[in-house]
């Protein structure tokens, strides 16, 4: 786990520091009817990573609140067993 965390830290550092050393970071323009969003490619990557982290944290919190993984795991097994039991056998 520590190796994976270190690998991600190095990857993020490379995404941030690499374009700075190269001298050009690229340009991203997202334009809609009323909004213009201008940023560098590095900034966009950092924003996307932060959004993913927030979404994963939100999912983890919701799973903790509702305990969906533990309580609903058996529901689908029971539904599947009932569906197979109610089908007539088609053996020849």
N, C-alpha and C. Protein backbone atom coordinates (compact mmCIF):
# COMPACT_ATOMS: atom_id res chain seq x y z
N UNK A 1 0.82 -1.19 0.00
CA UNK A 1 0.00 0.00 0.00
C UNK A 1 0.87 1.26 0.00
N UNK A 2 1.93 1.21 0.75
CA UNK A 2 2.83 2.36 0.83
C UNK A 2 3.53 2.58 -0.52
N UNK A 3 3.84 1.48 -1.21
CA UNK A 3 4.48 1.60 -2.53
C UNK A 3 3.54 2.26 -3.54
N UNK A 4 2.26 1.90 -3.49
CA UNK A 4 1.29 2.48 -4.41
C UNK A 4 1.11 3.97 -4.11
N UNK A 5 1.04 4.32 -2.83
CA UNK A 5 0.91 5.72 -2.45
C UNK A 5 2.14 6.52 -2.90
N UNK A 6 3.31 5.96 -2.74
CA UNK A 6 4.53 6.61 -3.18
C UNK A 6 4.55 6.77 -4.70
N UNK A 7 4.08 5.76 -5.41
CA UNK A 7 4.01 5.83 -6.87
C UNK A 7 3.07 6.95 -7.33
N UNK A 8 1.91 7.06 -6.70
CA UNK A 8 0.98 8.14 -7.05
C UNK A 8 1.57 9.50 -6.72
N UNK A 9 2.26 9.62 -5.60
CA UNK A 9 2.89 10.89 -5.24
C UNK A 9 3.94 11.28 -6.27
N UNK A 10 4.74 10.33 -6.73
CA UNK A 10 5.74 10.60 -7.76
C UNK A 10 5.08 10.97 -9.09
N UNK A 11 3.99 10.30 -9.40
CA UNK A 11 3.26 10.60 -10.64
C UNK A 11 2.69 12.02 -10.62
N UNK A 12 2.09 12.39 -9.51
CA UNK A 12 1.54 13.74 -9.39
C UNK A 12 2.65 14.78 -9.42
N UNK A 13 3.76 14.49 -8.74
CA UNK A 13 4.89 15.42 -8.76
C UNK A 13 5.43 15.57 -10.19
N UNK A 14 5.48 14.49 -10.93
CA UNK A 14 5.93 14.55 -12.32
C UNK A 14 5.00 15.36 -13.20
N UNK A 15 3.70 15.23 -12.97
CA UNK A 15 2.72 15.99 -13.75
C UNK A 15 2.84 17.48 -13.45
N UNK A 16 3.14 17.83 -12.21
CA UNK A 16 3.23 19.24 -11.83
C UNK A 16 4.58 19.83 -12.21
N UNK A 17 5.66 19.14 -11.87
CA UNK A 17 7.00 19.69 -12.06
C UNK A 17 7.48 19.57 -13.51
N UNK A 18 7.10 18.52 -14.20
CA UNK A 18 7.58 18.29 -15.56
C UNK A 18 7.31 19.44 -16.52
N UNK A 19 6.05 19.86 -16.65
CA UNK A 19 5.78 20.99 -17.55
C UNK A 19 6.44 22.30 -17.10
N UNK A 20 6.59 22.47 -15.79
CA UNK A 20 7.26 23.69 -15.32
C UNK A 20 8.71 23.73 -15.76
N UNK A 21 9.37 22.59 -15.71
CA UNK A 21 10.77 22.51 -16.14
C UNK A 21 10.87 22.67 -17.65
N UNK A 22 9.92 22.09 -18.38
CA UNK A 22 9.94 22.18 -19.84
C UNK A 22 9.67 23.59 -20.35
N UNK A 23 9.00 24.40 -19.55
CA UNK A 23 8.77 25.78 -19.93
C UNK A 23 7.42 26.06 -20.55
N UNK A 24 6.66 25.05 -20.87
CA UNK A 24 5.31 25.27 -21.40
C UNK A 24 4.38 24.25 -20.78
N UNK A 25 3.24 24.73 -20.34
CA UNK A 25 2.31 23.86 -19.61
C UNK A 25 1.09 23.50 -20.44
N UNK A 26 0.96 24.02 -21.61
CA UNK A 26 -0.23 23.76 -22.40
C UNK A 26 -1.35 24.69 -22.01
N UNK A 27 -2.45 24.64 -22.73
CA UNK A 27 -3.55 25.58 -22.52
C UNK A 27 -4.86 24.86 -22.74
N UNK A 28 -5.78 25.04 -21.81
CA UNK A 28 -7.11 24.43 -21.93
C UNK A 28 -8.13 25.56 -21.85
N UNK A 29 -9.04 25.59 -22.81
CA UNK A 29 -10.12 26.57 -22.82
C UNK A 29 -11.43 25.80 -22.92
N UNK A 30 -12.26 25.96 -21.91
CA UNK A 30 -13.60 25.37 -21.91
C UNK A 30 -14.56 26.55 -22.00
N UNK A 31 -15.27 26.62 -23.12
CA UNK A 31 -16.11 27.78 -23.38
C UNK A 31 -17.55 27.34 -23.60
N UNK A 32 -18.46 27.93 -22.82
CA UNK A 32 -19.89 27.70 -23.01
C UNK A 32 -20.53 29.05 -23.31
N UNK A 33 -21.83 29.08 -23.26
CA UNK A 33 -22.54 30.30 -23.62
C UNK A 33 -22.15 31.49 -22.74
N UNK A 34 -22.13 31.28 -21.42
CA UNK A 34 -21.87 32.39 -20.51
C UNK A 34 -20.55 32.28 -19.76
N UNK A 35 -19.86 31.17 -19.87
CA UNK A 35 -18.66 30.95 -19.07
C UNK A 35 -17.46 30.63 -19.95
N UNK A 36 -16.32 31.16 -19.54
CA UNK A 36 -15.03 30.79 -20.12
C UNK A 36 -14.14 30.30 -18.99
N UNK A 37 -13.63 29.10 -19.11
CA UNK A 37 -12.71 28.55 -18.12
C UNK A 37 -11.38 28.36 -18.83
N UNK A 38 -10.38 29.08 -18.37
CA UNK A 38 -9.04 28.97 -18.94
C UNK A 38 -8.10 28.45 -17.87
N UNK A 39 -7.34 27.44 -18.22
CA UNK A 39 -6.37 26.87 -17.28
C UNK A 39 -5.27 26.18 -18.07
N UNK A 40 -4.26 25.76 -17.37
CA UNK A 40 -3.20 24.98 -18.00
C UNK A 40 -3.56 23.49 -17.92
N UNK A 41 -2.87 22.69 -18.69
CA UNK A 41 -3.11 21.24 -18.66
C UNK A 41 -2.78 20.70 -17.28
N UNK A 42 -1.72 21.22 -16.68
CA UNK A 42 -1.33 20.78 -15.34
C UNK A 42 -2.44 21.11 -14.33
N UNK A 43 -2.97 22.31 -14.41
CA UNK A 43 -4.06 22.69 -13.52
C UNK A 43 -5.29 21.82 -13.70
N UNK A 44 -5.61 21.49 -14.96
CA UNK A 44 -6.75 20.64 -15.24
C UNK A 44 -6.55 19.24 -14.65
N UNK A 45 -5.34 18.70 -14.78
CA UNK A 45 -5.06 17.37 -14.23
C UNK A 45 -5.19 17.40 -12.71
N UNK A 46 -4.68 18.43 -12.07
CA UNK A 46 -4.78 18.53 -10.61
C UNK A 46 -6.24 18.66 -10.18
N UNK A 47 -7.02 19.45 -10.90
CA UNK A 47 -8.44 19.61 -10.58
C UNK A 47 -9.17 18.28 -10.75
N UNK A 48 -8.89 17.55 -11.81
CA UNK A 48 -9.54 16.26 -12.04
C UNK A 48 -9.19 15.26 -10.95
N UNK A 49 -7.93 15.24 -10.53
CA UNK A 49 -7.52 14.33 -9.45
C UNK A 49 -8.24 14.69 -8.15
N UNK A 50 -8.33 15.97 -7.85
CA UNK A 50 -9.03 16.40 -6.64
C UNK A 50 -10.52 16.05 -6.69
N UNK A 51 -11.13 16.20 -7.86
CA UNK A 51 -12.54 15.84 -8.00
C UNK A 51 -12.73 14.34 -7.78
N UNK A 52 -11.82 13.52 -8.32
CA UNK A 52 -11.92 12.08 -8.13
C UNK A 52 -11.78 11.72 -6.66
N UNK A 53 -10.83 12.35 -5.96
CA UNK A 53 -10.64 12.09 -4.53
C UNK A 53 -11.90 12.46 -3.75
N UNK A 54 -12.49 13.60 -4.07
CA UNK A 54 -13.72 14.02 -3.38
C UNK A 54 -14.85 13.04 -3.66
N UNK A 55 -15.00 12.58 -4.89
CA UNK A 55 -16.06 11.63 -5.22
C UNK A 55 -15.86 10.29 -4.52
N UNK A 56 -14.61 9.80 -4.47
CA UNK A 56 -14.34 8.55 -3.75
C UNK A 56 -14.61 8.70 -2.26
N UNK A 57 -14.25 9.85 -1.69
CA UNK A 57 -14.51 10.09 -0.27
C UNK A 57 -16.01 10.17 -0.01
N UNK A 58 -16.75 10.81 -0.89
CA UNK A 58 -18.20 10.90 -0.75
C UNK A 58 -18.84 9.51 -0.84
N UNK A 59 -18.36 8.70 -1.77
CA UNK A 59 -18.88 7.34 -1.88
C UNK A 59 -18.59 6.54 -0.62
N UNK A 60 -17.38 6.68 -0.08
CA UNK A 60 -17.00 5.96 1.13
C UNK A 60 -17.88 6.38 2.30
N UNK A 61 -18.13 7.69 2.42
CA UNK A 61 -18.98 8.20 3.51
C UNK A 61 -20.40 7.67 3.37
N UNK A 62 -20.94 7.68 2.15
CA UNK A 62 -22.30 7.19 1.94
C UNK A 62 -22.40 5.69 2.21
N UNK A 63 -21.37 4.94 1.84
CA UNK A 63 -21.37 3.51 2.15
C UNK A 63 -21.34 3.29 3.66
N UNK A 64 -20.58 4.09 4.37
CA UNK A 64 -20.53 3.98 5.83
C UNK A 64 -21.87 4.34 6.46
N UNK A 65 -22.52 5.35 5.93
CA UNK A 65 -23.80 5.78 6.50
C UNK A 65 -24.88 4.73 6.26
N UNK A 66 -24.98 4.26 5.03
CA UNK A 66 -26.07 3.35 4.67
C UNK A 66 -25.70 1.88 4.77
N UNK A 67 -24.43 1.58 4.94
CA UNK A 67 -23.95 0.20 5.04
C UNK A 67 -24.48 -0.68 3.91
N UNK A 68 -24.41 -0.17 2.69
CA UNK A 68 -24.99 -0.88 1.56
C UNK A 68 -24.26 -2.18 1.23
N UNK A 69 -22.97 -2.21 1.43
CA UNK A 69 -22.25 -3.41 1.01
C UNK A 69 -22.57 -4.61 1.90
N UNK A 70 -22.79 -4.41 3.19
CA UNK A 70 -23.03 -5.53 4.10
C UNK A 70 -24.50 -5.97 4.09
N UNK A 71 -25.42 -5.03 4.06
CA UNK A 71 -26.83 -5.37 4.21
C UNK A 71 -27.48 -5.83 2.92
N UNK A 72 -27.06 -5.35 1.78
CA UNK A 72 -27.74 -5.69 0.54
C UNK A 72 -27.04 -6.79 -0.25
N UNK A 73 -25.93 -7.27 0.24
CA UNK A 73 -25.21 -8.30 -0.51
C UNK A 73 -26.06 -9.54 -0.70
N UNK A 74 -26.79 -9.97 0.30
CA UNK A 74 -27.60 -11.18 0.21
C UNK A 74 -28.87 -11.01 -0.59
N UNK A 75 -29.32 -9.77 -0.81
CA UNK A 75 -30.56 -9.56 -1.52
C UNK A 75 -30.50 -10.10 -2.94
N UNK A 76 -29.41 -9.83 -3.62
CA UNK A 76 -29.31 -10.24 -5.01
C UNK A 76 -29.12 -11.74 -5.14
N UNK A 77 -28.48 -12.35 -4.18
CA UNK A 77 -28.34 -13.81 -4.18
C UNK A 77 -29.71 -14.44 -4.00
N UNK A 78 -30.52 -13.92 -3.09
CA UNK A 78 -31.85 -14.47 -2.84
C UNK A 78 -32.75 -14.27 -4.05
N UNK A 79 -32.69 -13.10 -4.68
CA UNK A 79 -33.50 -12.84 -5.87
C UNK A 79 -33.09 -13.77 -6.99
N UNK A 80 -31.81 -13.99 -7.16
CA UNK A 80 -31.31 -14.88 -8.21
C UNK A 80 -31.75 -16.31 -7.95
N UNK A 81 -31.71 -16.75 -6.70
CA UNK A 81 -32.12 -18.12 -6.37
C UNK A 81 -33.61 -18.31 -6.62
N UNK A 82 -34.43 -17.32 -6.29
CA UNK A 82 -35.87 -17.41 -6.53
C UNK A 82 -36.16 -17.44 -8.03
N UNK A 83 -35.43 -16.65 -8.80
CA UNK A 83 -35.64 -16.63 -10.25
C UNK A 83 -35.29 -17.97 -10.87
N UNK A 84 -34.22 -18.61 -10.41
CA UNK A 84 -33.85 -19.91 -10.97
C UNK A 84 -34.81 -21.00 -10.51
N UNK A 85 -35.33 -20.89 -9.31
CA UNK A 85 -36.24 -21.91 -8.80
C UNK A 85 -37.60 -21.84 -9.49
N UNK A 86 -38.01 -20.66 -9.91
CA UNK A 86 -39.34 -20.52 -10.52
C UNK A 86 -39.35 -20.88 -12.00
N UNK A 87 -38.19 -20.99 -12.63
CA UNK A 87 -38.15 -21.35 -14.05
C UNK A 87 -38.37 -22.85 -14.23
N UNK A 88 -39.13 -23.21 -15.24
CA UNK A 88 -39.28 -24.64 -15.52
C UNK A 88 -38.00 -25.20 -16.15
N UNK A 89 -37.74 -26.43 -15.88
CA UNK A 89 -36.54 -27.07 -16.39
C UNK A 89 -36.72 -27.36 -17.88
N UNK A 90 -35.68 -27.09 -18.68
CA UNK A 90 -35.74 -27.32 -20.12
C UNK A 90 -34.77 -28.41 -20.54
N UNK A 91 -34.68 -29.42 -19.80
CA UNK A 91 -33.78 -30.52 -20.15
C UNK A 91 -34.45 -31.47 -21.13
N UNK A 92 -33.69 -31.94 -22.08
CA UNK A 92 -34.22 -32.85 -23.10
C UNK A 92 -33.83 -34.26 -22.80
